[in-house]
Each structure stands twice: as structure tokens, then as C-alpha cells.
PDB file of N, CA and C in Angstrom:
ATOM      1  N   MET A   1      -5.379   1.199 -10.254  1.00  0.00           N
ATOM      2  CA  MET A   1      -6.109   0.854  -9.057  1.00  0.00           C
ATOM      3  C   MET A   1      -5.301   1.336  -7.853  1.00  0.00           C
ATOM      4  N   ARG A   2      -6.025   1.792  -6.817  1.00  0.00           N
ATOM      5  CA  ARG A   2      -5.374   2.215  -5.566  1.00  0.00           C
ATOM      6  C   ARG A   2      -5.500   1.121  -4.527  1.00  0.00           C
ATOM      7  N   TYR A   3      -4.493   1.058  -3.689  1.00  0.00           N
ATOM      8  CA  TYR A   3      -4.459   0.045  -2.628  1.00  0.00           C
ATOM      9  C   TYR A   3      -4.045   0.700  -1.330  1.00  0.00           C
ATOM     10  N   LEU A   4      -4.677   0.252  -0.246  1.00  0.00           N
ATOM     11  CA  LEU A   4      -4.214   0.543   1.086  1.00  0.00           C
ATOM     12  C   LEU A   4      -3.297  -0.611   1.474  1.00  0.00           C
ATOM     13  N   ILE A   5      -2.050  -0.304   1.750  1.00  0.00           N
ATOM     14  CA  ILE A   5      -1.095  -1.326   2.173  1.00  0.00           C
ATOM     15  C   ILE A   5      -0.882  -1.134   3.681  1.00  0.00           C
ATOM     16  N   ILE A   6      -1.142  -2.195   4.435  1.00  0.00           N
ATOM     17  CA  ILE A   6      -0.854  -2.156   5.868  1.00  0.00           C
ATOM     18  C   ILE A   6       0.384  -3.001   6.063  1.00  0.00           C
ATOM     19  N   GLU A   7       1.432  -2.353   6.497  1.00  0.00           N
ATOM     20  CA  GLU A   7       2.754  -2.945   6.614  1.00  0.00           C
ATOM     21  C   GLU A   7       3.079  -3.114   8.088  1.00  0.00           C
ATOM     22  N   HIS A   8       3.160  -4.344   8.554  1.00  0.00           N
ATOM     23  CA  HIS A   8       3.485  -4.619   9.935  1.00  0.00           C
ATOM     24  C   HIS A   8       4.956  -4.927  10.032  1.00  0.00           C
ATOM     25  N   PHE A   9       5.713  -3.992  10.638  1.00  0.00           N
ATOM     26  CA  PHE A   9       7.150  -4.153  10.754  1.00  0.00           C
ATOM     27  C   PHE A   9       7.505  -5.332  11.652  1.00  0.00           C
ATOM     28  N   LYS A  10       8.466  -6.136  11.230  1.00  0.00           N
ATOM     29  CA  LYS A  10       8.977  -7.200  12.104  1.00  0.00           C
ATOM     30  C   LYS A  10       9.802  -6.532  13.188  1.00  0.00           C
ATOM     31  N   LYS A  11       9.474  -6.789  14.434  1.00  0.00           N
ATOM     32  CA  LYS A  11      10.037  -6.050  15.573  1.00  0.00           C
ATOM     33  C   LYS A  11      11.556  -5.977  15.578  1.00  0.00           C
ATOM     34  N   ASP A  12      12.226  -7.061  15.250  1.00  0.00           N
ATOM     35  CA  ASP A  12      13.689  -7.066  15.301  1.00  0.00           C
ATOM     36  C   ASP A  12      14.327  -6.589  13.992  1.00  0.00           C
ATOM     37  N   LYS A  13      13.479  -6.045  13.079  1.00  0.00           N
ATOM     38  CA  LYS A  13      13.973  -5.654  11.758  1.00  0.00           C
ATOM     39  C   LYS A  13      13.721  -4.172  11.426  1.00  0.00           C
ATOM     40  N   ILE A  14      13.190  -3.392  12.389  1.00  0.00           N
ATOM     41  CA  ILE A  14      12.804  -2.019  12.102  1.00  0.00           C
ATOM     42  C   ILE A  14      13.998  -1.158  11.709  1.00  0.00           C
ATOM     43  N   LEU A  15      15.096  -1.263  12.430  1.00  0.00           N
ATOM     44  CA  LEU A  15      16.294  -0.501  12.097  1.00  0.00           C
ATOM     45  C   LEU A  15      16.788  -0.879  10.708  1.00  0.00           C
ATOM     46  N   GLU A  16      16.837  -2.179  10.414  1.00  0.00           N
ATOM     47  CA  GLU A  16      17.269  -2.639   9.094  1.00  0.00           C
ATOM     48  C   GLU A  16      16.345  -2.125   7.999  1.00  0.00           C
ATOM     49  N   LEU A  17      15.031  -2.076   8.276  1.00  0.00           N
ATOM     50  CA  LEU A  17      14.079  -1.568   7.303  1.00  0.00           C
ATOM     51  C   LEU A  17      14.382  -0.110   6.956  1.00  0.00           C
ATOM     52  N   TYR A  18      14.579   0.714   7.977  1.00  0.00           N
ATOM     53  CA  TYR A  18      14.876   2.141   7.725  1.00  0.00           C
ATOM     54  C   TYR A  18      16.227   2.328   7.095  1.00  0.00           C
ATOM     55  N   GLN A  19      17.208   1.501   7.407  1.00  0.00           N
ATOM     56  CA  GLN A  19      18.513   1.605   6.767  1.00  0.00           C
ATOM     57  C   GLN A  19      18.434   1.262   5.288  1.00  0.00           C
ATOM     58  N   ARG A  20      17.672   0.224   4.938  1.00  0.00           N
ATOM     59  CA  ARG A  20      17.491  -0.138   3.540  1.00  0.00           C
ATOM     60  C   ARG A  20      16.755   0.986   2.795  1.00  0.00           C
ATOM     61  N   PHE A  21      15.721   1.518   3.418  1.00  0.00           N
ATOM     62  CA  PHE A  21      14.977   2.616   2.809  1.00  0.00           C
ATOM     63  C   PHE A  21      15.892   3.813   2.575  1.00  0.00           C
ATOM     64  N   ASP A  22      16.731   4.144   3.560  1.00  0.00           N
ATOM     65  CA  ASP A  22      17.664   5.266   3.454  1.00  0.00           C
ATOM     66  C   ASP A  22      18.649   5.044   2.309  1.00  0.00           C
ATOM     67  N   LYS A  23      19.075   3.822   2.129  1.00  0.00           N
ATOM     68  CA  LYS A  23      20.101   3.482   1.141  1.00  0.00           C
ATOM     69  C   LYS A  23      19.501   3.323  -0.255  1.00  0.00           C
ATOM     70  N   LYS A  24      18.362   2.624  -0.367  1.00  0.00           N
ATOM     71  CA  LYS A  24      17.805   2.245  -1.668  1.00  0.00           C
ATOM     72  C   LYS A  24      16.493   2.925  -2.051  1.00  0.00           C
ATOM     73  N   GLY A  25      15.889   3.692  -1.165  1.00  0.00           N
ATOM     74  CA  GLY A  25      14.618   4.307  -1.453  1.00  0.00           C
ATOM     75  C   GLY A  25      13.494   3.301  -1.418  1.00  0.00           C
ATOM     76  N   ARG A  26      12.386   3.605  -2.044  1.00  0.00           N
ATOM     77  CA  ARG A  26      11.212   2.706  -2.011  1.00  0.00           C
ATOM     78  C   ARG A  26      11.350   1.483  -2.888  1.00  0.00           C
ATOM     79  N   MET A  27      12.219   1.509  -3.851  1.00  0.00           N
ATOM     80  CA  MET A  27      12.428   0.385  -4.781  1.00  0.00           C
ATOM     81  C   MET A  27      11.131   0.013  -5.488  1.00  0.00           C
ATOM     82  N   LEU A  28      10.430   0.996  -6.018  1.00  0.00           N
ATOM     83  CA  LEU A  28       9.175   0.774  -6.728  1.00  0.00           C
ATOM     84  C   LEU A  28       9.419   0.301  -8.145  1.00  0.00           C
ATOM     85  N   PRO A  29       8.801  -0.768  -8.579  1.00  0.00           N
ATOM     86  CA  PRO A  29       8.890  -1.144  -9.979  1.00  0.00           C
ATOM     87  C   PRO A  29       8.081  -0.191 -10.849  1.00  0.00           C
ATOM     88  N   LYS A  30       8.403  -0.144 -12.114  1.00  0.00           N
ATOM     89  CA  LYS A  30       7.629   0.652 -13.070  1.00  0.00           C
ATOM     90  C   LYS A  30       6.179   0.209 -13.013  1.00  0.00           C
ATOM     91  N   GLY A  31       5.286   1.211 -12.929  1.00  0.00           N
ATOM     92  CA  GLY A  31       3.857   0.896 -12.858  1.00  0.00           C
ATOM     93  C   GLY A  31       3.302   0.931 -11.474  1.00  0.00           C
ATOM     94  N   VAL A  32       4.146   1.183 -10.461  1.00  0.00           N
ATOM     95  CA  VAL A  32       3.697   1.312  -9.065  1.00  0.00           C
ATOM     96  C   VAL A  32       4.081   2.721  -8.607  1.00  0.00           C
ATOM     97  N   THR A  33       3.109   3.423  -8.022  1.00  0.00           N
ATOM     98  CA  THR A  33       3.304   4.794  -7.581  1.00  0.00           C
ATOM     99  C   THR A  33       2.939   4.921  -6.107  1.00  0.00           C
ATOM    100  N   TYR A  34       3.852   5.487  -5.326  1.00  0.00           N
ATOM    101  CA  TYR A  34       3.587   5.805  -3.918  1.00  0.00           C
ATOM    102  C   TYR A  34       2.784   7.078  -3.858  1.00  0.00           C
ATOM    103  N   ILE A  35       1.715   7.101  -3.029  1.00  0.00           N
ATOM    104  CA  ILE A  35       0.884   8.279  -2.873  1.00  0.00           C
ATOM    105  C   ILE A  35       1.184   8.973  -1.536  1.00  0.00           C
ATOM    106  N   ASN A  36       1.021   8.247  -0.418  1.00  0.00           N
ATOM    107  CA  ASN A  36       1.300   8.829   0.892  1.00  0.00           C
ATOM    108  C   ASN A  36       1.329   7.708   1.913  1.00  0.00           C
ATOM    109  N   SER A  37       1.859   8.020   3.105  1.00  0.00           N
ATOM    110  CA  SER A  37       1.908   6.996   4.148  1.00  0.00           C
ATOM    111  C   SER A  37       1.866   7.662   5.524  1.00  0.00           C
ATOM    112  N   TRP A  38       1.441   6.844   6.504  1.00  0.00           N
ATOM    113  CA  TRP A  38       1.377   7.243   7.900  1.00  0.00           C
ATOM    114  C   TRP A  38       1.853   6.072   8.742  1.00  0.00           C
ATOM    115  N   ILE A  39       2.566   6.363   9.827  1.00  0.00           N
ATOM    116  CA  ILE A  39       3.091   5.316  10.688  1.00  0.00           C
ATOM    117  C   ILE A  39       2.585   5.558  12.088  1.00  0.00           C
ATOM    118  N   ASP A  40       2.173   4.471  12.742  1.00  0.00           N
ATOM    119  CA  ASP A  40       1.675   4.612  14.107  1.00  0.00           C
ATOM    120  C   ASP A  40       2.771   5.106  15.057  1.00  0.00           C
ATOM    121  N   GLU A  41       2.383   5.647  16.185  1.00  0.00           N
ATOM    122  CA  GLU A  41       3.314   6.260  17.139  1.00  0.00           C
ATOM    123  C   GLU A  41       4.351   5.270  17.681  1.00  0.00           C
ATOM    124  N   ASN A  42       4.035   3.999  17.717  1.00  0.00           N
ATOM    125  CA  ASN A  42       4.985   2.987  18.214  1.00  0.00           C
ATOM    126  C   ASN A  42       5.985   2.540  17.151  1.00  0.00           C
ATOM    127  N   ILE A  43       5.814   3.060  15.941  1.00  0.00           N
ATOM    128  CA  ILE A  43       6.643   2.706  14.779  1.00  0.00           C
ATOM    129  C   ILE A  43       6.662   1.183  14.595  1.00  0.00           C
ATOM    130  N   GLU A  44       5.430   0.651  14.498  1.00  0.00           N
ATOM    131  CA  GLU A  44       5.237  -0.803  14.302  1.00  0.00           C
ATOM    132  C   GLU A  44       4.457  -1.094  13.028  1.00  0.00           C
ATOM    133  N   THR A  45       3.596  -0.128  12.622  1.00  0.00           N
ATOM    134  CA  THR A  45       2.712  -0.333  11.486  1.00  0.00           C
ATOM    135  C   THR A  45       2.705   0.888  10.604  1.00  0.00           C
ATOM    136  N   CYS A  46       2.820   0.612   9.294  1.00  0.00           N
ATOM    137  CA  CYS A  46       2.756   1.712   8.311  1.00  0.00           C
ATOM    138  C   CYS A  46       1.520   1.496   7.457  1.00  0.00           C
ATOM    139  N   TYR A  47       0.782   2.594   7.204  1.00  0.00           N
ATOM    140  CA  TYR A  47      -0.409   2.586   6.360  1.00  0.00           C
ATOM    141  C   TYR A  47      -0.043   3.386   5.110  1.00  0.00           C
ATOM    142  N   GLN A  48      -0.070   2.758   3.945  1.00  0.00           N
ATOM    143  CA  GLN A  48       0.316   3.424   2.710  1.00  0.00           C
ATOM    144  C   GLN A  48      -0.802   3.370   1.679  1.00  0.00           C
ATOM    145  N   ILE A  49      -0.862   4.418   0.901  1.00  0.00           N
ATOM    146  CA  ILE A  49      -1.734   4.411  -0.259  1.00  0.00           C
ATOM    147  C   ILE A  49      -0.796   4.330  -1.472  1.00  0.00           C
ATOM    148  N   MET A  50      -1.048   3.328  -2.322  1.00  0.00           N
ATOM    149  CA  MET A  50      -0.230   3.100  -3.495  1.00  0.00           C
ATOM    150  C   MET A  50      -1.158   2.962  -4.701  1.00  0.00           C
ATOM    151  N   GLU A  51      -0.654   3.316  -5.865  1.00  0.00           N
ATOM    152  CA  GLU A  51      -1.380   3.009  -7.115  1.00  0.00           C
ATOM    153  C   GLU A  51      -0.516   2.018  -7.872  1.00  0.00           C
ATOM    154  N   SER A  52      -1.197   1.095  -8.535  1.00  0.00           N
ATOM    155  CA  SER A  52      -0.477   0.096  -9.291  1.00  0.00           C
ATOM    156  C   SER A  52      -1.271  -0.336 -10.511  1.00  0.00           C
ATOM    157  N   GLU A  53      -0.536  -0.585 -11.590  1.00  0.00           N
ATOM    158  CA  GLU A  53      -1.172  -1.062 -12.822  1.00  0.00           C
ATOM    159  C   GLU A  53      -1.770  -2.449 -12.631  1.00  0.00           C
ATOM    160  N   SER A  54      -1.175  -3.223 -11.694  1.00  0.00           N
ATOM    161  CA  SER A  54      -1.667  -4.576 -11.467  1.00  0.00           C
ATOM    162  C   SER A  54      -1.259  -5.041 -10.071  1.00  0.00           C
ATOM    163  N   LEU A  55      -1.954  -6.021  -9.593  1.00  0.00           N
ATOM    164  CA  LEU A  55      -1.607  -6.619  -8.291  1.00  0.00           C
ATOM    165  C   LEU A  55      -0.232  -7.285  -8.405  1.00  0.00           C
ATOM    166  N   GLU A  56       0.096  -7.825  -9.546  1.00  0.00           N
ATOM    167  CA  GLU A  56       1.396  -8.497  -9.736  1.00  0.00           C
ATOM    168  C   GLU A  56       2.553  -7.510  -9.549  1.00  0.00           C
ATOM    169  N   LYS A  57       2.425  -6.284 -10.100  1.00  0.00           N
ATOM    170  CA  LYS A  57       3.481  -5.278  -9.917  1.00  0.00           C
ATOM    171  C   LYS A  57       3.612  -4.869  -8.450  1.00  0.00           C
ATOM    172  N   LEU A  58       2.470  -4.799  -7.760  1.00  0.00           N
ATOM    173  CA  LEU A  58       2.506  -4.478  -6.356  1.00  0.00           C
ATOM    174  C   LEU A  58       3.204  -5.602  -5.572  1.00  0.00           C
ATOM    175  N   GLN A  59       2.955  -6.816  -5.968  1.00  0.00           N
ATOM    176  CA  GLN A  59       3.641  -7.958  -5.340  1.00  0.00           C
ATOM    177  C   GLN A  59       5.156  -7.911  -5.599  1.00  0.00           C
ATOM    178  N   ASP A  60       5.552  -7.426  -6.767  1.00  0.00           N
ATOM    179  CA  ASP A  60       6.980  -7.262  -7.052  1.00  0.00           C
ATOM    180  C   ASP A  60       7.612  -6.290  -6.079  1.00  0.00           C
ATOM    181  N   TRP A  61       6.914  -5.202  -5.785  1.00  0.00           N
ATOM    182  CA  TRP A  61       7.416  -4.218  -4.807  1.00  0.00           C
ATOM    183  C   TRP A  61       7.524  -4.861  -3.431  1.00  0.00           C
ATOM    184  N   ILE A  62       6.483  -5.561  -3.011  1.00  0.00           N
ATOM    185  CA  ILE A  62       6.478  -6.213  -1.700  1.00  0.00           C
ATOM    186  C   ILE A  62       7.617  -7.193  -1.549  1.00  0.00           C
ATOM    187  N   ALA A  63       7.980  -7.849  -2.639  1.00  0.00           N
ATOM    188  CA  ALA A  63       9.089  -8.819  -2.589  1.00  0.00           C
ATOM    189  C   ALA A  63      10.383  -8.154  -2.146  1.00  0.00           C
ATOM    190  N   ASN A  64      10.517  -6.855  -2.358  1.00  0.00           N
ATOM    191  CA  ASN A  64      11.732  -6.123  -1.935  1.00  0.00           C
ATOM    192  C   ASN A  64      11.765  -5.900  -0.438  1.00  0.00           C
ATOM    193  N   TRP A  65      10.627  -6.109   0.251  1.00  0.00           N
ATOM    194  CA  TRP A  65      10.514  -5.717   1.650  1.00  0.00           C
ATOM    195  C   TRP A  65       9.988  -6.805   2.552  1.00  0.00           C
ATOM    196  N   ASN A  66       9.516  -7.923   2.013  1.00  0.00           N
ATOM    197  CA  ASN A  66       8.790  -8.889   2.848  1.00  0.00           C
ATOM    198  C   ASN A  66       9.699  -9.646   3.836  1.00  0.00           C
ATOM    199  N   ASP A  67      11.009  -9.462   3.775  1.00  0.00           N
ATOM    200  CA  ASP A  67      11.851 -10.042   4.794  1.00  0.00           C
ATOM    201  C   ASP A  67      11.895  -9.127   6.055  1.00  0.00           C
ATOM    202  N   LEU A  68      11.392  -7.893   5.917  1.00  0.00           N
ATOM    203  CA  LEU A  68      11.424  -6.961   7.013  1.00  0.00           C
ATOM    204  C   LEU A  68      10.051  -6.586   7.540  1.00  0.00           C
ATOM    205  N   ALA A  69       8.993  -6.934   6.806  1.00  0.00           N
ATOM    206  CA  ALA A  69       7.636  -6.592   7.229  1.00  0.00           C
ATOM    207  C   ALA A  69       6.661  -7.592   6.605  1.00  0.00           C
ATOM    208  N   ASP A  70       5.474  -7.650   7.213  1.00  0.00           N
ATOM    209  CA  ASP A  70       4.359  -8.440   6.687  1.00  0.00           C
ATOM    210  C   ASP A  70       3.349  -7.464   6.137  1.00  0.00           C
ATOM    211  N   PHE A  71       2.684  -7.832   5.038  1.00  0.00           N
ATOM    212  CA  PHE A  71       1.835  -6.914   4.297  1.00  0.00           C
ATOM    213  C   PHE A  71       0.412  -7.414   4.173  1.00  0.00           C
ATOM    214  N   GLU A  72      -0.519  -6.444   4.282  1.00  0.00           N
ATOM    215  CA  GLU A  72      -1.948  -6.658   3.934  1.00  0.00           C
ATOM    216  C   GLU A  72      -2.201  -5.716   2.764  1.00  0.00           C
ATOM    217  N   ILE A  73      -2.912  -6.217   1.775  1.00  0.00           N
ATOM    218  CA  ILE A  73      -3.246  -5.417   0.579  1.00  0.00           C
ATOM    219  C   ILE A  73      -4.762  -5.280   0.489  1.00  0.00           C
ATOM    220  N   ILE A  74      -5.235  -4.039   0.481  1.00  0.00           N
ATOM    221  CA  ILE A  74      -6.678  -3.804   0.429  1.00  0.00           C
ATOM    222  C   ILE A  74      -6.968  -2.831  -0.745  1.00  0.00           C
ATOM    223  N   PRO A  75      -7.663  -3.338  -1.779  1.00  0.00           N
ATOM    224  CA  PRO A  75      -8.039  -2.399  -2.847  1.00  0.00           C
ATOM    225  C   PRO A  75      -9.027  -1.367  -2.304  1.00  0.00           C
ATOM    226  N   VAL A  76      -8.813  -0.091  -2.652  1.00  0.00           N
ATOM    227  CA  VAL A  76      -9.671   0.968  -2.130  1.00  0.00           C
ATOM    228  C   VAL A  76     -10.142   1.901  -3.230  1.00  0.00           C
ATOM    229  N   LEU A  77     -11.250   2.581  -2.922  1.00  0.00           N
ATOM    230  CA  LEU A  77     -11.813   3.609  -3.789  1.00  0.00           C
ATOM    231  C   LEU A  77     -11.775   4.930  -3.038  1.00  0.00           C
ATOM    232  N   THR A  78     -11.764   6.039  -3.761  1.00  0.00           N
ATOM    233  CA  THR A  78     -11.961   7.325  -3.117  1.00  0.00           C
ATOM    234  C   THR A  78     -13.428   7.399  -2.672  1.00  0.00           C
ATOM    235  N   SER A  79     -13.727   8.335  -1.811  1.00  0.00           N
ATOM    236  CA  SER A  79     -15.139   8.525  -1.393  1.00  0.00           C
ATOM    237  C   SER A  79     -16.002   8.874  -2.599  1.00  0.00           C
ATOM    238  N   ALA A  80     -15.483   9.700  -3.471  1.00  0.00           N
ATOM    239  CA  ALA A  80     -16.251  10.076  -4.671  1.00  0.00           C
ATOM    240  C   ALA A  80     -16.500   8.882  -5.589  1.00  0.00           C
ATOM    241  N   GLU A  81     -15.515   8.016  -5.729  1.00  0.00           N
ATOM    242  CA  GLU A  81     -15.687   6.806  -6.540  1.00  0.00           C
ATOM    243  C   GLU A  81     -16.711   5.886  -5.926  1.00  0.00           C
ATOM    244  N   ALA A  82     -16.687   5.733  -4.600  1.00  0.00           N
ATOM    245  CA  ALA A  82     -17.668   4.878  -3.939  1.00  0.00           C
ATOM    246  C   ALA A  82     -19.065   5.430  -4.098  1.00  0.00           C
ATOM    247  N   LYS A  83     -19.213   6.730  -3.950  1.00  0.00           N
ATOM    248  CA  LYS A  83     -20.549   7.363  -4.114  1.00  0.00           C
ATOM    249  C   LYS A  83     -21.091   7.106  -5.540  1.00  0.00           C
ATOM    250  N   THR A  84     -20.236   7.321  -6.547  1.00  0.00           N
ATOM    251  CA  THR A  84     -20.643   7.099  -7.931  1.00  0.00           C
ATOM    252  C   THR A  84     -21.038   5.651  -8.142  1.00  0.00           C
ATOM    253  N   LYS A  85     -20.248   4.739  -7.611  1.00  0.00           N
ATOM    254  CA  LYS A  85     -20.518   3.308  -7.779  1.00  0.00           C
ATOM    255  C   LYS A  85     -21.848   2.931  -7.168  1.00  0.00           C
ATOM    256  N   ILE A  86     -22.133   3.423  -5.986  1.00  0.00           N
ATOM    257  CA  ILE A  86     -23.390   3.100  -5.301  1.00  0.00           C
ATOM    258  C   ILE A  86     -24.582   3.737  -6.005  1.00  0.00           C
ATOM    259  N   LEU A  87     -24.463   5.003  -6.351  1.00  0.00           N
ATOM    260  CA  LEU A  87     -25.589   5.692  -6.998  1.00  0.00           C
ATOM    261  C   LEU A  87     -25.862   5.102  -8.380  1.00  0.00           C
ATOM    262  N   ASN A  88     -24.825   4.762  -9.126  1.00  0.00           N
ATOM    263  CA  ASN A  88     -25.039   4.135 -10.457  1.00  0.00           C
ATOM    264  C   ASN A  88     -25.658   2.748 -10.298  1.00  0.00           C
ATOM    265  N   LYS A  89     -25.259   2.016  -9.280  1.00  0.00           N
ATOM    266  CA  LYS A  89     -25.817   0.689  -9.041  1.00  0.00           C
ATOM    267  C   LYS A  89     -27.305   0.798  -8.706  1.00  0.00           C
ATOM    268  N   ASP A  90     -27.639   1.809  -7.867  1.00  0.00           N
ATOM    269  CA  ASP A  90     -29.018   2.002  -7.469  1.00  0.00           C
ATOM    270  C   ASP A  90     -29.869   2.410  -8.657  1.00  0.00           C
ATOM    271  N   SER A  91     -29.343   3.289  -9.532  1.00  0.00           N
ATOM    272  CA  SER A  91     -30.142   3.735 -10.684  1.00  0.00           C
ATOM    273  C   SER A  91     -30.304   2.599 -11.735  1.00  0.00           C
ATOM    274  N   ASN A  92     -29.381   1.644 -11.751  1.00  0.00           N
ATOM    275  CA  ASN A  92     -29.484   0.530 -12.683  1.00  0.00           C
ATOM    276  C   ASN A  92     -30.491  -0.521 -12.213  1.00  0.00           C
ATOM    277  N   THR A  93     -30.862  -0.507 -10.943  1.00  0.00           N
ATOM    278  CA  THR A  93     -31.777  -1.519 -10.411  1.00  0.00           C
ATOM    279  C   THR A  93     -33.217  -1.059 -10.514  1.00  0.00           C
ATOM    280  N   LYS A  94     -33.426   0.192 -10.908  1.00  0.00           N
ATOM    281  CA  LYS A  94     -34.814   0.719 -10.993  1.00  0.00           C
ATOM    282  C   LYS A  94     -35.398   0.501 -12.359  1.00  0.00           C
TER     283      LYS A  94
END
């Protein structure tokens, strides 16, 4: 499953966050894969796409960072997956 992770950096912890990342990397548990990320121009919010075998494994990753940021987890589909889901749902209702 893919997730959009919205990571709100704690204002007084941004330097510490980047220092930890520089020293330890992403600290991803087995079963969690980083896809890509974007950070707003004010360097306050990070938007990441992650894949995870389970929500529990994703929570394990967040536990490595939740002292430095607050997280929102949103399960997401690709556009193609959403189209297939909608069209299959529509054809099953006829």
C-alpha cells in the first residue's frame, strides 16, 4: 500500500531533524520503502510518498522521528488505480 505522509516539522527541531537524517539516514524498517518527497519553501512541511507492507511498519518508522515532527498518514492510490476502482465499481452495479 502507498501512503502520503505529511510531516510537520517542529519549529525548534528542524536543525536536529536534518542532523539525525544526515547521521542515520531514513531509518526505514524492513517492509517500508521511500518513494519520493517534497518540502515546502519555508522548510516546515514535508510531503512524502512511502510504500509499506502494513500500517504498523509505517508506525515503526514514524516512531524514529515523532520527537522532531508530527505526522499525518493518508492511504493513496495512483490515478490509474483510482480509475480502475471506479470503473469496476460502476460496471458491478449494472
